[in-house]
Amino acid sequence: MSDFTLTLLRWFRENGRDLPWRQTRDPYAIWLSEIILQQTQVRQGWEYWERFMRRWPTVDDLAAATEDEVLREWQGLGYYSRARNLHAAARQIIAGGGFPTTIEGLRALKGVGDYTAAAIGSFAFDLPAAVVDGNVYRVLARHFGIATPINTPDGKKEFAALAQSLLPEGSLCNGGAAAYNQAIMDFGATLCTPQSPRCQQCPLMETCAALREGRVGQLPVKLKTTKVKERRLTYVYIRCNGYTAIHRRPAGDIWQGLYEPLLTSQVPSGAILLRRNQKHVLTHRVLYADFYLWTPAGRPPLPADYFWIPEQDIDQYGVPRLIEILLEQLPQ
């Protein structure tokens, strides 16, 4: 076992985070935590994990839910494709007779990539698979002085091979792959952080190439490949005798399967502006939304895919975070 691995495991025994999904070998609880935490901070994700576990304590329960119910429970986490994939994978698992116990089987689940398969496999089944996420890229790039861009095929291959080579031998040795994977992720999340890493408190400082060469702020290297685009949206909330109109967003665009009020390019006469240029940042685009309130005397004709609901029932429908913000502007 390398000195790097031994040092990480010693550090983890004293400093590892006490997280509830680490107190179980249940692959469902572990998988759920990994999906939630893909684009979410631990503090926020913890609350959602507990909420899901209370409502759907087993994968059978989750598979029996509707997609609308899952999206509604997910509301506020963003990246809603994770929720749709989670629900679809739960039904895959039930159809297949239970959780896969191999990396290949786990990888075949909807929304499960190399990282998530390795995490579930090592944490639930002691499989000798190394995780490689943002924290791992950062720790390995800095400590070993690797400048290969992490978002290139060569970079992914190089870091995956290095991570695998650093796993402790034997499934039970010092906690095996599970302990090592948790150690390096916690190390990156709490010590070797993207900004202001705590280098002077690092047990690996004497062997860290980036610290020795003054390149801590330069590693890991990531190529800029995606241009951020802007998009403008105009919403009209119709309030008509205790009812409002919404529709479900279709596939092929942002927020698939979630609900929103009338999206239009023509604001009706008499509509009142409640919010202009509300900014909302997504991964590859920035949205700017205007929000109007319209209170016609009678129900106006709607586009074919819109329908009326009692205003008091709108909380039963999953909406994007931007729509949540806009709805907060409504007068009572």
Protein backbone atom coordinates (compact mmCIF):
# COMPACT_ATOMS: atom_id res chain seq x y z
CA MET A 1 0.00 0.00 0.00
CA SER A 2 1.38 3.42 -0.96
CA ASP A 3 2.33 6.04 1.62
CA PHE A 4 -0.26 8.32 -0.01
CA THR A 5 -3.05 5.81 0.65
CA LEU A 6 -1.93 5.06 4.20
CA THR A 7 -1.80 8.76 5.04
CA LEU A 8 -5.28 9.35 3.65
CA LEU A 9 -6.72 6.44 5.61
CA ARG A 10 -5.12 7.64 8.85
CA TRP A 11 -6.43 11.15 8.25
CA PHE A 12 -9.92 9.78 7.51
CA ARG A 13 -10.09 7.76 10.73
CA GLU A 14 -9.68 11.00 12.68
CA ASN A 15 -11.42 13.50 10.39
CA GLY A 16 -13.97 11.68 8.25
CA ARG A 17 -17.46 13.18 8.09
CA ASP A 18 -20.22 11.37 9.99
CA LEU A 19 -22.93 11.06 7.32
CA PRO A 20 -26.05 8.88 7.71
CA TRP A 21 -25.66 7.04 4.40
CA ARG A 22 -22.25 5.88 5.62
CA GLN A 23 -23.87 4.02 8.50
CA THR A 24 -25.53 1.48 6.20
CA ARG A 25 -24.67 -1.07 3.53
CA ASP A 26 -28.12 -0.71 1.96
CA PRO A 27 -27.42 -0.06 -1.74
CA TYR A 28 -30.68 1.87 -2.09
CA ALA A 29 -29.78 4.39 0.62
CA ILE A 30 -26.26 4.72 -0.77
CA TRP A 31 -27.42 5.11 -4.37
CA LEU A 32 -29.99 7.72 -3.35
CA SER A 33 -27.34 9.76 -1.55
CA GLU A 34 -24.98 9.62 -4.52
CA ILE A 35 -27.63 10.81 -6.99
CA ILE A 36 -28.73 13.65 -4.72
CA LEU A 37 -25.15 14.79 -4.07
CA GLN A 38 -24.08 14.82 -7.73
CA GLN A 39 -24.77 18.55 -8.08
CA THR A 40 -25.67 19.43 -4.50
CA GLN A 41 -23.82 20.46 -1.35
CA VAL A 42 -23.91 17.92 1.49
CA ARG A 43 -25.82 20.20 3.86
CA GLN A 44 -28.72 20.67 1.43
CA GLY A 45 -28.57 17.12 0.09
CA TRP A 46 -28.77 15.61 3.58
CA GLU A 47 -32.22 17.12 4.11
CA TYR A 48 -33.50 15.79 0.78
CA TRP A 49 -32.01 12.34 1.42
CA GLU A 50 -33.83 12.11 4.74
CA ARG A 51 -37.05 13.31 3.11
CA PHE A 52 -36.85 10.68 0.36
CA MET A 53 -35.95 7.93 2.83
CA ARG A 54 -38.97 8.80 4.98
CA ARG A 55 -41.39 8.86 2.08
CA TRP A 56 -39.91 5.98 0.08
CA PRO A 57 -37.81 3.84 2.45
CA THR A 58 -37.15 1.10 -0.13
CA VAL A 59 -36.47 0.99 -3.84
CA ASP A 60 -39.81 -0.81 -4.25
CA ASP A 61 -41.57 2.19 -2.71
CA LEU A 62 -39.78 4.63 -5.00
CA ALA A 63 -40.54 2.53 -8.08
CA ALA A 64 -44.24 2.53 -7.17
CA ALA A 65 -44.35 6.34 -7.04
CA THR A 66 -45.33 8.47 -10.02
CA GLU A 67 -42.82 10.66 -11.79
CA ASP A 68 -44.83 13.72 -10.78
CA GLU A 69 -44.53 12.73 -7.11
CA VAL A 70 -40.77 12.27 -7.39
CA LEU A 71 -40.29 15.58 -9.21
CA ARG A 72 -42.39 17.37 -6.60
CA GLU A 73 -40.27 15.93 -3.77
CA TRP A 74 -37.11 16.89 -5.69
CA GLN A 75 -38.25 20.49 -6.15
CA GLY A 76 -35.53 22.97 -5.22
CA LEU A 77 -32.57 20.67 -5.94
CA GLY A 78 -32.32 21.52 -9.64
CA TYR A 79 -30.87 19.33 -12.39
CA TYR A 80 -34.20 17.55 -12.61
CA SER A 81 -32.96 14.90 -15.01
CA ARG A 82 -31.43 13.32 -11.89
CA ALA A 83 -34.91 12.83 -10.42
CA ARG A 84 -36.33 11.40 -13.63
CA ASN A 85 -33.37 9.03 -13.98
CA LEU A 86 -33.65 8.06 -10.31
CA HIS A 87 -37.28 7.06 -10.79
CA ALA A 88 -36.59 5.21 -14.04
CA ALA A 89 -33.66 3.34 -12.48
CA ALA A 90 -35.78 2.30 -9.50
CA ARG A 91 -38.16 0.61 -11.92
CA GLN A 92 -35.18 -0.96 -13.71
CA ILE A 93 -33.97 -2.40 -10.41
CA ILE A 94 -37.37 -3.88 -9.58
CA ALA A 95 -37.76 -5.30 -13.08
CA GLY A 96 -34.30 -6.89 -12.76
CA GLY A 97 -35.10 -8.56 -9.45
CA GLY A 98 -32.99 -6.34 -7.20
CA PHE A 99 -29.90 -4.17 -7.04
CA PRO A 100 -27.07 -5.19 -9.38
CA THR A 101 -23.97 -6.31 -7.48
CA THR A 102 -21.38 -5.74 -10.21
CA ILE A 103 -19.90 -2.52 -11.58
CA GLU A 104 -21.19 -3.40 -15.04
CA GLY A 105 -24.70 -4.02 -13.72
CA LEU A 106 -24.71 -0.80 -11.72
CA ARG A 107 -23.44 1.18 -14.70
CA ALA A 108 -26.38 -0.09 -16.74
CA LEU A 109 -28.84 1.75 -14.47
CA LYS A 110 -30.33 4.97 -15.81
CA GLY A 111 -28.30 7.97 -14.66
CA VAL A 112 -25.46 5.89 -13.19
CA GLY A 113 -22.01 6.58 -14.62
CA ASP A 114 -18.54 5.35 -13.73
CA TYR A 115 -18.27 7.41 -10.54
CA THR A 116 -21.67 6.47 -9.11
CA ALA A 117 -21.22 2.79 -10.00
CA ALA A 118 -17.86 2.75 -8.20
CA ALA A 119 -19.32 4.52 -5.17
CA ILE A 120 -22.28 2.15 -4.80
CA GLY A 121 -20.14 -0.89 -5.61
CA SER A 122 -17.46 -0.10 -3.05
CA PHE A 123 -19.71 1.22 -0.28
CA ALA A 124 -22.42 -1.43 -0.52
CA PHE A 125 -20.65 -4.50 -1.92
CA ASP A 126 -16.92 -4.06 -1.15
CA LEU A 127 -16.08 -4.02 -4.85
CA PRO A 128 -12.50 -2.82 -5.52
CA ALA A 129 -13.50 0.16 -7.63
CA ALA A 130 -11.99 3.64 -7.24
CA VAL A 131 -14.23 6.70 -7.44
CA VAL A 132 -13.13 9.68 -9.51
CA ASP A 133 -15.10 12.88 -8.92
CA GLY A 134 -14.18 16.55 -8.71
CA ASN A 135 -12.61 16.10 -5.29
CA VAL A 136 -10.52 13.17 -6.45
CA TYR A 137 -9.33 14.97 -9.59
CA ARG A 138 -8.24 17.92 -7.47
CA VAL A 139 -6.38 15.90 -4.82
CA LEU A 140 -4.59 13.68 -7.33
CA ALA A 141 -3.73 16.51 -9.73
CA ARG A 142 -2.22 18.61 -6.97
CA HIS A 143 -0.40 15.89 -5.06
CA PHE A 144 1.11 14.22 -8.13
CA GLY A 145 1.51 17.41 -10.17
CA ILE A 146 -0.63 16.24 -13.10
CA ALA A 147 -1.43 18.95 -15.67
CA THR A 148 -3.39 16.77 -18.09
CA PRO A 149 -6.84 18.41 -18.49
CA ILE A 150 -9.40 16.44 -16.51
CA ASN A 151 -12.16 16.89 -19.11
CA THR A 152 -10.30 15.21 -21.96
CA PRO A 153 -10.27 11.49 -22.84
CA ASP A 154 -6.57 11.25 -22.00
CA GLY A 155 -7.09 13.00 -18.68
CA LYS A 156 -10.02 10.82 -17.66
CA LYS A 157 -8.06 7.68 -18.54
CA GLU A 158 -4.93 8.83 -16.68
CA PHE A 159 -6.73 9.82 -13.49
CA ALA A 160 -8.92 6.70 -13.48
CA ALA A 161 -5.86 4.46 -13.75
CA LEU A 162 -4.01 6.35 -11.01
CA ALA A 163 -7.01 6.27 -8.69
CA GLN A 164 -7.42 2.53 -9.19
CA SER A 165 -3.74 1.91 -8.52
CA LEU A 166 -3.98 3.67 -5.15
CA LEU A 167 -6.74 1.46 -3.72
CA PRO A 168 -5.70 -0.57 -0.67
CA GLU A 169 -5.33 -4.25 -1.40
CA GLY A 170 -7.91 -6.59 0.07
CA SER A 171 -11.55 -5.76 0.68
CA LEU A 172 -11.15 -5.55 4.47
CA CYS A 173 -7.70 -3.99 4.71
CA ASN A 174 -8.11 -0.68 6.55
CA GLY A 175 -11.72 -0.61 5.39
CA GLY A 176 -10.87 -1.45 1.79
CA ALA A 177 -12.05 0.52 -1.21
CA ALA A 178 -14.98 2.00 0.69
CA ALA A 179 -12.79 3.66 3.31
CA TYR A 180 -10.27 4.88 0.74
CA ASN A 181 -12.96 6.32 -1.54
CA GLN A 182 -14.65 8.11 1.35
CA ALA A 183 -11.27 9.33 2.61
CA ILE A 184 -10.14 10.96 -0.62
CA MET A 185 -13.55 12.57 -1.22
CA ASP A 186 -13.66 14.00 2.31
CA PHE A 187 -10.06 15.13 1.98
CA GLY A 188 -10.90 17.09 -1.15
CA ALA A 189 -14.16 18.45 0.24
CA THR A 190 -12.78 19.70 3.56
CA LEU A 191 -9.00 20.17 3.26
CA CYS A 192 -7.79 20.24 -0.37
CA THR A 193 -10.61 22.57 -1.41
CA PRO A 194 -10.93 24.44 -4.74
CA GLN A 195 -10.38 27.82 -3.09
CA SER A 196 -8.18 28.52 -0.05
CA PRO A 197 -7.02 24.94 0.58
CA ARG A 198 -5.62 24.32 4.06
CA CYS A 199 -2.15 23.36 2.85
CA GLN A 200 -0.39 24.07 6.14
CA GLN A 201 -2.65 21.55 7.89
CA CYS A 202 -2.31 18.90 5.19
CA PRO A 203 -0.67 15.59 6.21
CA LEU A 204 0.52 15.24 2.59
CA MET A 205 2.16 18.66 2.32
CA GLU A 206 5.73 17.31 2.28
CA THR A 207 5.03 15.17 -0.79
CA CYS A 208 2.60 17.47 -2.63
CA ALA A 209 4.03 18.46 -6.03
CA ALA A 210 1.68 21.42 -6.47
CA LEU A 211 2.63 22.93 -3.11
CA ARG A 212 6.34 22.37 -3.74
CA GLU A 213 6.14 23.95 -7.21
CA GLY A 214 3.71 26.76 -6.36
CA ARG A 215 0.95 25.39 -8.60
CA VAL A 216 -1.83 24.72 -6.10
CA GLY A 217 -4.08 27.36 -7.68
CA GLN A 218 -3.38 26.07 -11.19
CA LEU A 219 -4.37 22.43 -10.69
CA PRO A 220 -6.39 20.60 -11.77
CA VAL A 221 -6.49 21.84 -15.36
CA LYS A 222 -9.87 21.94 -17.10
CA LEU A 223 -10.39 23.08 -20.68
CA LYS A 224 -13.14 25.58 -21.32
CA THR A 225 -15.39 24.02 -23.94
CA THR A 226 -18.94 25.33 -23.49
CA LYS A 227 -20.12 28.85 -24.18
CA VAL A 228 -22.78 30.10 -21.80
CA LYS A 229 -25.88 31.33 -23.63
CA GLU A 230 -28.56 33.76 -22.49
CA ARG A 231 -32.29 33.12 -22.77
CA ARG A 232 -35.22 35.43 -22.01
CA LEU A 233 -38.58 34.20 -20.74
CA THR A 234 -41.89 35.99 -20.15
CA TYR A 235 -44.39 34.39 -17.78
CA VAL A 236 -47.99 35.44 -17.16
CA TYR A 237 -49.66 34.11 -14.03
CA ILE A 238 -53.40 34.05 -14.70
CA ARG A 239 -55.62 34.54 -11.66
CA CYS A 240 -59.25 33.96 -12.56
CA ASN A 241 -61.92 33.33 -9.92
CA GLY A 242 -59.64 31.18 -7.75
CA TYR A 243 -58.07 29.27 -10.65
CA THR A 244 -54.81 29.53 -12.54
CA ALA A 245 -53.41 27.91 -15.68
CA ILE A 246 -50.26 25.77 -15.96
CA HIS A 247 -48.73 23.22 -18.28
CA ARG A 248 -46.11 20.52 -18.05
CA ARG A 249 -42.85 21.24 -19.82
CA PRO A 250 -42.15 18.79 -22.65
CA ALA A 251 -39.08 16.70 -23.36
CA GLY A 252 -36.14 18.17 -25.22
CA ASP A 253 -35.75 21.36 -23.19
CA ILE A 254 -34.89 22.53 -19.68
CA TRP A 255 -37.06 21.42 -16.77
CA GLN A 256 -38.63 18.47 -18.55
CA GLY A 257 -41.68 17.21 -16.68
CA LEU A 258 -42.02 20.23 -14.39
CA TYR A 259 -44.86 22.75 -14.45
CA GLU A 260 -44.98 26.47 -15.21
CA PRO A 261 -47.54 29.26 -15.74
CA LEU A 262 -48.29 30.72 -19.16
CA LEU A 263 -45.09 31.23 -21.14
CA THR A 264 -45.73 33.76 -23.88
CA SER A 265 -44.19 36.33 -26.18
CA GLN A 266 -47.29 38.58 -26.00
CA VAL A 267 -48.29 40.07 -22.66
CA PRO A 268 -52.10 40.48 -22.39
CA SER A 269 -53.49 43.98 -22.02
CA GLY A 270 -54.06 44.76 -18.36
CA ALA A 271 -51.39 42.39 -17.04
CA ILE A 272 -49.32 43.87 -14.19
CA LEU A 273 -45.54 43.52 -14.13
CA LEU A 274 -44.40 41.94 -10.85
CA ARG A 275 -40.75 41.20 -11.59
CA ARG A 276 -38.42 42.10 -14.45
CA ASN A 277 -35.17 40.44 -15.47
CA GLN A 278 -35.11 37.85 -12.71
CA LYS A 279 -31.75 36.16 -13.26
CA HIS A 280 -31.37 32.39 -12.94
CA VAL A 281 -28.12 30.57 -13.75
CA LEU A 282 -28.07 27.04 -15.18
CA THR A 283 -25.02 25.02 -16.20
CA HIS A 284 -24.72 26.26 -19.78
CA ARG A 285 -27.10 29.18 -19.89
CA VAL A 286 -28.32 32.21 -18.00
CA LEU A 287 -32.05 32.88 -17.89
CA TYR A 288 -33.74 36.27 -17.50
CA ALA A 289 -37.46 36.17 -16.72
CA ASP A 290 -40.22 38.77 -16.60
CA PHE A 291 -43.27 37.89 -14.51
CA TYR A 292 -46.76 39.34 -14.90
CA LEU A 293 -50.04 38.91 -13.05
CA TRP A 294 -53.22 38.95 -15.13
CA THR A 295 -56.69 38.88 -13.55
CA PRO A 296 -59.25 38.63 -16.37
CA ALA A 297 -62.96 38.58 -15.55
CA GLY A 298 -63.49 35.31 -17.40
CA ARG A 299 -61.30 32.41 -18.44
CA PRO A 300 -59.35 33.30 -21.60
CA PRO A 301 -58.60 30.67 -24.25
CA LEU A 302 -55.37 28.80 -23.55
CA PRO A 303 -52.81 27.02 -25.72
CA ALA A 304 -53.69 23.37 -26.17
CA ASP A 305 -51.32 21.97 -23.53
CA TYR A 306 -52.40 24.26 -20.67
CA PHE A 307 -55.06 23.42 -18.09
CA TRP A 308 -56.82 25.08 -15.17
CA ILE A 309 -56.20 24.18 -11.53
CA PRO A 310 -57.39 25.72 -8.25
CA GLU A 311 -54.77 28.22 -7.13
CA GLN A 312 -54.58 26.54 -3.73
CA ASP A 313 -53.41 23.32 -5.40
CA ILE A 314 -50.35 24.73 -7.14
CA ASP A 315 -48.07 23.44 -4.36
CA GLN A 316 -48.97 19.92 -5.47
CA TYR A 317 -47.13 20.42 -8.76
CA GLY A 318 -43.36 20.36 -9.11
CA VAL A 319 -42.01 23.63 -10.48
CA PRO A 320 -38.47 24.82 -11.28
CA ARG A 321 -36.68 27.00 -8.74
CA LEU A 322 -37.07 30.03 -11.02
CA ILE A 323 -40.85 29.61 -10.98
CA GLU A 324 -40.77 29.25 -7.19
CA ILE A 325 -39.01 32.61 -7.01
CA LEU A 326 -41.52 34.20 -9.34
CA LEU A 327 -44.53 32.79 -7.51
CA GLU A 328 -43.23 34.40 -4.33
CA GLN A 329 -43.92 37.78 -5.97
CA LEU A 330 -47.67 37.14 -6.17
CA PRO A 331 -49.87 39.37 -3.99
CA GLN A 332 -52.20 37.44 -1.71
